[in-house]
Structure formats: C-alpha cells, structure tokens
Amino acid sequence: MTSSPDIVDIPGLRRPTPAPESKTGKPRQFLSIWFRCCHVYGRLYKNASQTSYNGGCPRCATRARVMIRPDGTTRRCFQALS
C-alpha cells in the first residue's frame, strides 16, 4: 500500500509562482517588495542591462524601480511607499 502526502486545500491561498528563468536557464534575480498601496508582496526582477530591478504592484500595477549601484545594499526586501 502506497501512501500519499497530505494535501490541504485552503480557499483563497495561492501557490507561490517560481521565478521565471532567464535565457541562460537560471532563475532570474529578484527583490522582494512590500507594496503599501495594496498591502501585498511582489517581486522586482533585474532588467536585461543589469542596471535596476523593475516591476509593479500585483494588484494595482503601480510601477517600482530600484537602481543598482556599486555602493548599494545587500538587503533583498524593501517597501514601496505610496
């Protein structure tokens, strides 16, 4: 007799989506960001020229951009002020 893992279905809970892959097949680099406008977390992905992380609020599409500088931070989580 084989056993299956327990699966709990919670209404309204979405499974996290994996980071999209880059052209090299590796997951794209991203920053986690708290969008205060809609009280949700989202991701900003690094642009092709490697100069900034760009994205938007998953609910209202408010745009956000974080510039990449040589003297920047090692933090990976930020807040987007509305």
PDB file of N, CA and C in Angstrom:
ATOM      1  N   MET A   1       0.838  -1.175   0.000  1.00  0.00           N
ATOM      2  CA  MET A   1       0.000   0.000   0.000  1.00  0.00           C
ATOM      3  C   MET A   1       0.885   1.241   0.000  1.00  0.00           C
ATOM      4  N   THR A   2       0.637   2.145  -0.944  1.00  0.00           N
ATOM      5  CA  THR A   2       1.427   3.366  -1.014  1.00  0.00           C
ATOM      6  C   THR A   2       0.684   4.484  -0.310  1.00  0.00           C
ATOM      7  N   SER A   3       1.429   5.348   0.305  1.00  0.00           N
ATOM      8  CA  SER A   3       0.795   6.477   0.982  1.00  0.00           C
ATOM      9  C   SER A   3       1.078   7.746   0.186  1.00  0.00           C
ATOM     10  N   SER A   4       0.123   8.641   0.199  1.00  0.00           N
ATOM     11  CA  SER A   4       0.305   9.919  -0.492  1.00  0.00           C
ATOM     12  C   SER A   4       0.463  11.004   0.559  1.00  0.00           C
ATOM     13  N   PRO A   5       1.155  12.085   0.222  1.00  0.00           N
ATOM     14  CA  PRO A   5       1.319  13.165   1.188  1.00  0.00           C
ATOM     15  C   PRO A   5      -0.024  13.834   1.464  1.00  0.00           C
ATOM     16  N   ASP A   6      -0.167  14.365   2.649  1.00  0.00           N
ATOM     17  CA  ASP A   6      -1.388  15.093   2.984  1.00  0.00           C
ATOM     18  C   ASP A   6      -1.427  16.399   2.209  1.00  0.00           C
ATOM     19  N   ILE A   7      -2.568  16.667   1.632  1.00  0.00           N
ATOM     20  CA  ILE A   7      -2.750  17.903   0.879  1.00  0.00           C
ATOM     21  C   ILE A   7      -3.892  18.673   1.520  1.00  0.00           C
ATOM     22  N   VAL A   8      -3.636  19.905   1.881  1.00  0.00           N
ATOM     23  CA  VAL A   8      -4.652  20.751   2.487  1.00  0.00           C
ATOM     24  C   VAL A   8      -5.003  21.841   1.491  1.00  0.00           C
ATOM     25  N   ASP A   9      -6.275  21.945   1.171  1.00  0.00           N
ATOM     26  CA  ASP A   9      -6.733  22.975   0.247  1.00  0.00           C
ATOM     27  C   ASP A   9      -7.316  24.114   1.067  1.00  0.00           C
ATOM     28  N   ILE A  10      -6.670  25.267   1.039  1.00  0.00           N
ATOM     29  CA  ILE A  10      -7.128  26.433   1.788  1.00  0.00           C
ATOM     30  C   ILE A  10      -7.684  27.430   0.784  1.00  0.00           C
ATOM     31  N   PRO A  11      -8.992  27.714   0.842  1.00  0.00           N
ATOM     32  CA  PRO A  11      -9.584  28.654  -0.109  1.00  0.00           C
ATOM     33  C   PRO A  11      -8.896  30.019  -0.044  1.00  0.00           C
ATOM     34  N   GLY A  12      -8.632  30.600  -1.201  1.00  0.00           N
ATOM     35  CA  GLY A  12      -8.022  31.919  -1.290  1.00  0.00           C
ATOM     36  C   GLY A  12      -6.508  31.931  -1.198  1.00  0.00           C
ATOM     37  N   LEU A  13      -5.882  30.800  -0.890  1.00  0.00           N
ATOM     38  CA  LEU A  13      -4.429  30.734  -0.783  1.00  0.00           C
ATOM     39  C   LEU A  13      -3.854  30.284  -2.112  1.00  0.00           C
ATOM     40  N   ARG A  14      -2.978  31.090  -2.675  1.00  0.00           N
ATOM     41  CA  ARG A  14      -2.359  30.742  -3.946  1.00  0.00           C
ATOM     42  C   ARG A  14      -0.999  30.122  -3.706  1.00  0.00           C
ATOM     43  N   ARG A  15      -0.637  29.201  -4.567  1.00  0.00           N
ATOM     44  CA  ARG A  15       0.706  28.625  -4.503  1.00  0.00           C
ATOM     45  C   ARG A  15       1.702  29.651  -5.036  1.00  0.00           C
ATOM     46  N   PRO A  16       2.881  29.758  -4.419  1.00  0.00           N
ATOM     47  CA  PRO A  16       3.863  30.718  -4.933  1.00  0.00           C
ATOM     48  C   PRO A  16       4.319  30.311  -6.330  1.00  0.00           C
ATOM     49  N   THR A  17       4.475  31.298  -7.176  1.00  0.00           N
ATOM     50  CA  THR A  17       4.948  31.014  -8.525  1.00  0.00           C
ATOM     51  C   THR A  17       6.466  31.061  -8.530  1.00  0.00           C
ATOM     52  N   PRO A  18       7.111  30.121  -9.197  1.00  0.00           N
ATOM     53  CA  PRO A  18       8.582  30.136  -9.231  1.00  0.00           C
ATOM     54  C   PRO A  18       9.079  31.319 -10.064  1.00  0.00           C
ATOM     55  N   ALA A  19      10.287  31.737  -9.782  1.00  0.00           N
ATOM     56  CA  ALA A  19      10.882  32.830 -10.543  1.00  0.00           C
ATOM     57  C   ALA A  19      11.054  32.392 -11.991  1.00  0.00           C
ATOM     58  N   PRO A  20      10.704  33.270 -12.939  1.00  0.00           N
ATOM     59  CA  PRO A  20      10.897  32.894 -14.340  1.00  0.00           C
ATOM     60  C   PRO A  20      12.382  32.699 -14.640  1.00  0.00           C
ATOM     61  N   GLU A  21      12.660  31.841 -15.591  1.00  0.00           N
ATOM     62  CA  GLU A  21      14.048  31.578 -15.939  1.00  0.00           C
ATOM     63  C   GLU A  21      14.565  32.607 -16.931  1.00  0.00           C
ATOM     64  N   SER A  22      15.846  32.889 -16.834  1.00  0.00           N
ATOM     65  CA  SER A  22      16.487  33.781 -17.790  1.00  0.00           C
ATOM     66  C   SER A  22      16.844  32.974 -19.035  1.00  0.00           C
ATOM     67  N   LYS A  23      17.436  33.629 -20.002  1.00  0.00           N
ATOM     68  CA  LYS A  23      17.827  32.952 -21.240  1.00  0.00           C
ATOM     69  C   LYS A  23      18.896  31.889 -21.004  1.00  0.00           C
ATOM     70  N   THR A  24      19.615  31.994 -19.874  1.00  0.00           N
ATOM     71  CA  THR A  24      20.645  31.004 -19.554  1.00  0.00           C
ATOM     72  C   THR A  24      20.067  29.780 -18.861  1.00  0.00           C
ATOM     73  N   GLY A  25      18.790  29.807 -18.531  1.00  0.00           N
ATOM     74  CA  GLY A  25      18.163  28.684 -17.854  1.00  0.00           C
ATOM     75  C   GLY A  25      18.199  28.786 -16.342  1.00  0.00           C
ATOM     76  N   LYS A  26      18.858  29.815 -15.802  1.00  0.00           N
ATOM     77  CA  LYS A  26      18.911  30.020 -14.356  1.00  0.00           C
ATOM     78  C   LYS A  26      17.743  30.910 -13.939  1.00  0.00           C
ATOM     79  N   PRO A  27      17.255  30.761 -12.702  1.00  0.00           N
ATOM     80  CA  PRO A  27      16.189  31.651 -12.242  1.00  0.00           C
ATOM     81  C   PRO A  27      16.662  33.105 -12.249  1.00  0.00           C
ATOM     82  N   ARG A  28      15.763  34.020 -12.615  1.00  0.00           N
ATOM     83  CA  ARG A  28      16.102  35.444 -12.645  1.00  0.00           C
ATOM     84  C   ARG A  28      16.252  35.978 -11.233  1.00  0.00           C
ATOM     85  N   GLN A  29      17.152  36.941 -11.078  1.00  0.00           N
ATOM     86  CA  GLN A  29      17.353  37.564  -9.777  1.00  0.00           C
ATOM     87  C   GLN A  29      16.223  38.537  -9.509  1.00  0.00           C
ATOM     88  N   PHE A  30      15.790  38.611  -8.237  1.00  0.00           N
ATOM     89  CA  PHE A  30      14.688  39.497  -7.894  1.00  0.00           C
ATOM     90  C   PHE A  30      14.849  40.048  -6.489  1.00  0.00           C
ATOM     91  N   LEU A  31      14.107  41.119  -6.212  1.00  0.00           N
ATOM     92  CA  LEU A  31      13.984  41.687  -4.874  1.00  0.00           C
ATOM     93  C   LEU A  31      12.550  41.477  -4.418  1.00  0.00           C
ATOM     94  N   SER A  32      12.361  41.211  -3.138  1.00  0.00           N
ATOM     95  CA  SER A  32      11.017  41.167  -2.569  1.00  0.00           C
ATOM     96  C   SER A  32      10.636  42.582  -2.165  1.00  0.00           C
ATOM     97  N   ILE A  33       9.401  42.949  -2.427  1.00  0.00           N
ATOM     98  CA  ILE A  33       8.968  44.309  -2.116  1.00  0.00           C
ATOM     99  C   ILE A  33       7.551  44.288  -1.561  1.00  0.00           C
ATOM    100  N   TRP A  34       7.348  45.067  -0.500  1.00  0.00           N
ATOM    101  CA  TRP A  34       6.029  45.226   0.113  1.00  0.00           C
ATOM    102  C   TRP A  34       5.404  46.479  -0.493  1.00  0.00           C
ATOM    103  N   PHE A  35       4.331  46.291  -1.253  1.00  0.00           N
ATOM    104  CA  PHE A  35       3.621  47.416  -1.859  1.00  0.00           C
ATOM    105  C   PHE A  35       2.589  47.908  -0.864  1.00  0.00           C
ATOM    106  N   ARG A  36       2.876  49.056  -0.245  1.00  0.00           N
ATOM    107  CA  ARG A  36       1.985  49.603   0.772  1.00  0.00           C
ATOM    108  C   ARG A  36       0.662  50.070   0.174  1.00  0.00           C
ATOM    109  N   CYS A  37       0.633  50.362  -1.110  1.00  0.00           N
ATOM    110  CA  CYS A  37      -0.596  50.832  -1.752  1.00  0.00           C
ATOM    111  C   CYS A  37      -1.717  49.805  -1.634  1.00  0.00           C
ATOM    112  N   CYS A  38      -1.394  48.519  -1.751  1.00  0.00           N
ATOM    113  CA  CYS A  38      -2.405  47.453  -1.718  1.00  0.00           C
ATOM    114  C   CYS A  38      -2.139  46.408  -0.640  1.00  0.00           C
ATOM    115  N   HIS A  39      -1.115  46.637   0.180  1.00  0.00           N
ATOM    116  CA  HIS A  39      -0.769  45.714   1.265  1.00  0.00           C
ATOM    117  C   HIS A  39      -0.511  44.297   0.758  1.00  0.00           C
ATOM    118  N   VAL A  40       0.359  44.200  -0.258  1.00  0.00           N
ATOM    119  CA  VAL A  40       0.730  42.902  -0.824  1.00  0.00           C
ATOM    120  C   VAL A  40       2.230  42.872  -1.093  1.00  0.00           C
ATOM    121  N   TYR A  41       2.788  41.659  -1.106  1.00  0.00           N
ATOM    122  CA  TYR A  41       4.174  41.467  -1.511  1.00  0.00           C
ATOM    123  C   TYR A  41       4.234  41.217  -3.005  1.00  0.00           C
ATOM    124  N   GLY A  42       5.338  41.634  -3.607  1.00  0.00           N
ATOM    125  CA  GLY A  42       5.580  41.376  -5.018  1.00  0.00           C
ATOM    126  C   GLY A  42       7.070  41.225  -5.249  1.00  0.00           C
ATOM    127  N   ARG A  43       7.421  41.078  -6.503  1.00  0.00           N
ATOM    128  CA  ARG A  43       8.834  40.931  -6.873  1.00  0.00           C
ATOM    129  C   ARG A  43       9.207  41.951  -7.920  1.00  0.00           C
ATOM    130  N   LEU A  44      10.442  42.430  -7.827  1.00  0.00           N
ATOM    131  CA  LEU A  44      11.039  43.258  -8.864  1.00  0.00           C
ATOM    132  C   LEU A  44      12.164  42.432  -9.455  1.00  0.00           C
ATOM    133  N   TYR A  45      12.166  42.298 -10.772  1.00  0.00           N
ATOM    134  CA  TYR A  45      13.191  41.496 -11.448  1.00  0.00           C
ATOM    135  C   TYR A  45      14.245  42.393 -12.072  1.00  0.00           C
ATOM    136  N   LYS A  46      15.479  41.892 -12.095  1.00  0.00           N
ATOM    137  CA  LYS A  46      16.605  42.626 -12.674  1.00  0.00           C
ATOM    138  C   LYS A  46      16.398  42.771 -14.176  1.00  0.00           C
ATOM    139  N   ASN A  47      16.643  43.988 -14.682  1.00  0.00           N
ATOM    140  CA  ASN A  47      16.465  44.213 -16.130  1.00  0.00           C
ATOM    141  C   ASN A  47      17.631  43.622 -16.922  1.00  0.00           C
ATOM    142  N   ALA A  48      17.472  43.580 -18.232  1.00  0.00           N
ATOM    143  CA  ALA A  48      18.473  42.947 -19.102  1.00  0.00           C
ATOM    144  C   ALA A  48      19.829  43.635 -19.047  1.00  0.00           C
ATOM    145  N   SER A  49      19.842  44.951 -18.845  1.00  0.00           N
ATOM    146  CA  SER A  49      21.117  45.670 -18.797  1.00  0.00           C
ATOM    147  C   SER A  49      21.762  45.645 -17.406  1.00  0.00           C
ATOM    148  N   GLN A  50      21.132  44.958 -16.432  1.00  0.00           N
ATOM    149  CA  GLN A  50      21.683  44.794 -15.093  1.00  0.00           C
ATOM    150  C   GLN A  50      21.864  46.117 -14.359  1.00  0.00           C
ATOM    151  N   THR A  51      21.023  47.120 -14.649  1.00  0.00           N
ATOM    152  CA  THR A  51      21.155  48.431 -14.016  1.00  0.00           C
ATOM    153  C   THR A  51      20.089  48.709 -12.970  1.00  0.00           C
ATOM    154  N   SER A  52      18.997  47.941 -12.972  1.00  0.00           N
ATOM    155  CA  SER A  52      17.931  48.165 -11.996  1.00  0.00           C
ATOM    156  C   SER A  52      17.032  46.941 -11.883  1.00  0.00           C
ATOM    157  N   TYR A  53      16.234  46.935 -10.814  1.00  0.00           N
ATOM    158  CA  TYR A  53      15.173  45.953 -10.632  1.00  0.00           C
ATOM    159  C   TYR A  53      13.864  46.673 -10.926  1.00  0.00           C
ATOM    160  N   ASN A  54      13.022  46.110 -11.779  1.00  0.00           N
ATOM    161  CA  ASN A  54      11.789  46.757 -12.203  1.00  0.00           C
ATOM    162  C   ASN A  54      10.598  45.829 -11.993  1.00  0.00           C
ATOM    163  N   GLY A  55       9.444  46.425 -11.755  1.00  0.00           N
ATOM    164  CA  GLY A  55       8.225  45.638 -11.613  1.00  0.00           C
ATOM    165  C   GLY A  55       7.079  46.512 -11.182  1.00  0.00           C
ATOM    166  N   GLY A  56       6.012  45.873 -10.754  1.00  0.00           N
ATOM    167  CA  GLY A  56       4.836  46.620 -10.346  1.00  0.00           C
ATOM    168  C   GLY A  56       4.020  45.871  -9.320  1.00  0.00           C
ATOM    169  N   CYS A  57       3.116  46.600  -8.688  1.00  0.00           N
ATOM    170  CA  CYS A  57       2.217  46.030  -7.701  1.00  0.00           C
ATOM    171  C   CYS A  57       1.337  44.986  -8.389  1.00  0.00           C
ATOM    172  N   PRO A  58       1.218  43.792  -7.813  1.00  0.00           N
ATOM    173  CA  PRO A  58       0.410  42.762  -8.452  1.00  0.00           C
ATOM    174  C   PRO A  58      -1.091  43.063  -8.460  1.00  0.00           C
ATOM    175  N   ARG A  59      -1.532  44.023  -7.662  1.00  0.00           N
ATOM    176  CA  ARG A  59      -2.963  44.363  -7.646  1.00  0.00           C
ATOM    177  C   ARG A  59      -3.295  45.589  -8.478  1.00  0.00           C
ATOM    178  N   CYS A  60      -2.580  46.698  -8.260  1.00  0.00           N
ATOM    179  CA  CYS A  60      -2.954  47.945  -8.943  1.00  0.00           C
ATOM    180  C   CYS A  60      -1.968  48.361 -10.030  1.00  0.00           C
ATOM    181  N   ALA A  61      -0.897  47.623 -10.207  1.00  0.00           N
ATOM    182  CA  ALA A  61       0.105  47.852 -11.255  1.00  0.00           C
ATOM    183  C   ALA A  61       0.923  49.133 -11.064  1.00  0.00           C
ATOM    184  N   THR A  62       0.950  49.697  -9.853  1.00  0.00           N
ATOM    185  CA  THR A  62       1.829  50.831  -9.580  1.00  0.00           C
ATOM    186  C   THR A  62       3.259  50.383  -9.845  1.00  0.00           C
ATOM    187  N   ARG A  63       3.999  51.136 -10.636  1.00  0.00           N
ATOM    188  CA  ARG A  63       5.345  50.759 -11.043  1.00  0.00           C
ATOM    189  C   ARG A  63       6.370  51.090  -9.956  1.00  0.00           C
ATOM    190  N   ALA A  64       7.413  50.265  -9.883  1.00  0.00           N
ATOM    191  CA  ALA A  64       8.512  50.484  -8.944  1.00  0.00           C
ATOM    192  C   ALA A  64       9.821  50.131  -9.632  1.00  0.00           C
ATOM    193  N   ARG A  65      10.871  50.871  -9.272  1.00  0.00           N
ATOM    194  CA  ARG A  65      12.202  50.610  -9.824  1.00  0.00           C
ATOM    195  C   ARG A  65      13.233  50.869  -8.739  1.00  0.00           C
ATOM    196  N   VAL A  66      14.177  49.946  -8.598  1.00  0.00           N
ATOM    197  CA  VAL A  66      15.275  50.082  -7.644  1.00  0.00           C
ATOM    198  C   VAL A  66      16.558  50.038  -8.451  1.00  0.00           C
ATOM    199  N   MET A  67      17.317  51.125  -8.401  1.00  0.00           N
ATOM    200  CA  MET A  67      18.557  51.216  -9.151  1.00  0.00           C
ATOM    201  C   MET A  67      19.655  50.375  -8.481  1.00  0.00           C
ATOM    202  N   ILE A  68      20.559  49.837  -9.288  1.00  0.00           N
ATOM    203  CA  ILE A  68      21.691  49.047  -8.802  1.00  0.00           C
ATOM    204  C   ILE A  68      22.936  49.924  -8.873  1.00  0.00           C
ATOM    205  N   ARG A  69      23.620  50.054  -7.718  1.00  0.00           N
ATOM    206  CA  ARG A  69      24.837  50.853  -7.664  1.00  0.00           C
ATOM    207  C   ARG A  69      25.946  50.030  -7.033  1.00  0.00           C
ATOM    208  N   PRO A  70      27.204  50.329  -7.370  1.00  0.00           N
ATOM    209  CA  PRO A  70      28.322  49.574  -6.788  1.00  0.00           C
ATOM    210  C   PRO A  70      28.376  49.680  -5.260  1.00  0.00           C
ATOM    211  N   ASP A  71      27.941  50.816  -4.706  1.00  0.00           N
ATOM    212  CA  ASP A  71      27.985  51.006  -3.248  1.00  0.00           C
ATOM    213  C   ASP A  71      26.616  50.760  -2.624  1.00  0.00           C
ATOM    214  N   GLY A  72      25.816  49.918  -3.248  1.00  0.00           N
ATOM    215  CA  GLY A  72      24.452  49.646  -2.790  1.00  0.00           C
ATOM    216  C   GLY A  72      24.399  48.791  -1.534  1.00  0.00           C
ATOM    217  N   THR A  73      23.252  48.190  -1.312  1.00  0.00           N
ATOM    218  CA  THR A  73      22.996  47.405  -0.116  1.00  0.00           C
ATOM    219  C   THR A  73      22.921  45.916  -0.432  1.00  0.00           C
ATOM    220  N   THR A  74      23.032  45.103   0.599  1.00  0.00           N
ATOM    221  CA  THR A  74      22.869  43.662   0.431  1.00  0.00           C
ATOM    222  C   THR A  74      21.455  43.224   0.797  1.00  0.00           C
ATOM    223  N   ARG A  75      20.604  44.177   1.180  1.00  0.00           N
ATOM    224  CA  ARG A  75      19.220  43.849   1.531  1.00  0.00           C
ATOM    225  C   ARG A  75      18.485  43.284   0.319  1.00  0.00           C
ATOM    226  N   ARG A  76      17.531  42.388   0.569  1.00  0.00           N
ATOM    227  CA  ARG A  76      16.751  41.791  -0.506  1.00  0.00           C
ATOM    228  C   ARG A  76      15.260  42.124  -0.383  1.00  0.00           C
ATOM    229  N   CYS A  77      14.851  42.763   0.732  1.00  0.00           N
ATOM    230  CA  CYS A  77      13.440  43.104   0.947  1.00  0.00           C
ATOM    231  C   CYS A  77      13.301  44.604   1.159  1.00  0.00           C
ATOM    232  N   PHE A  78      12.305  45.197   0.513  1.00  0.00           N
ATOM    233  CA  PHE A  78      12.086  46.632   0.559  1.00  0.00           C
ATOM    234  C   PHE A  78      10.606  46.946   0.661  1.00  0.00           C
ATOM    235  N   GLN A  79      10.269  48.230   0.921  1.00  0.00           N
ATOM    236  CA  GLN A  79       8.894  48.712   0.888  1.00  0.00           C
ATOM    237  C   GLN A  79       8.758  49.749  -0.205  1.00  0.00           C
ATOM    238  N   ALA A  80       7.647  49.695  -0.913  1.00  0.00           N
ATOM    239  CA  ALA A  80       7.333  50.732  -1.906  1.00  0.00           C
ATOM    240  C   ALA A  80       6.323  51.664  -1.260  1.00  0.00           C
ATOM    241  N   LEU A  81       6.714  52.898  -1.054  1.00  0.00           N
ATOM    242  CA  LEU A  81       5.813  53.870  -0.454  1.00  0.00           C
ATOM    243  C   LEU A  81       4.814  54.358  -1.482  1.00  0.00           C
ATOM    244  N   SER A  82       3.593  54.550  -1.049  1.00  0.00           N
ATOM    245  CA  SER A  82       2.584  55.015  -1.999  1.00  0.00           C
ATOM    246  C   SER A  82       2.461  56.508  -1.981  1.00  0.00           C
TER     247      SER A  82
END
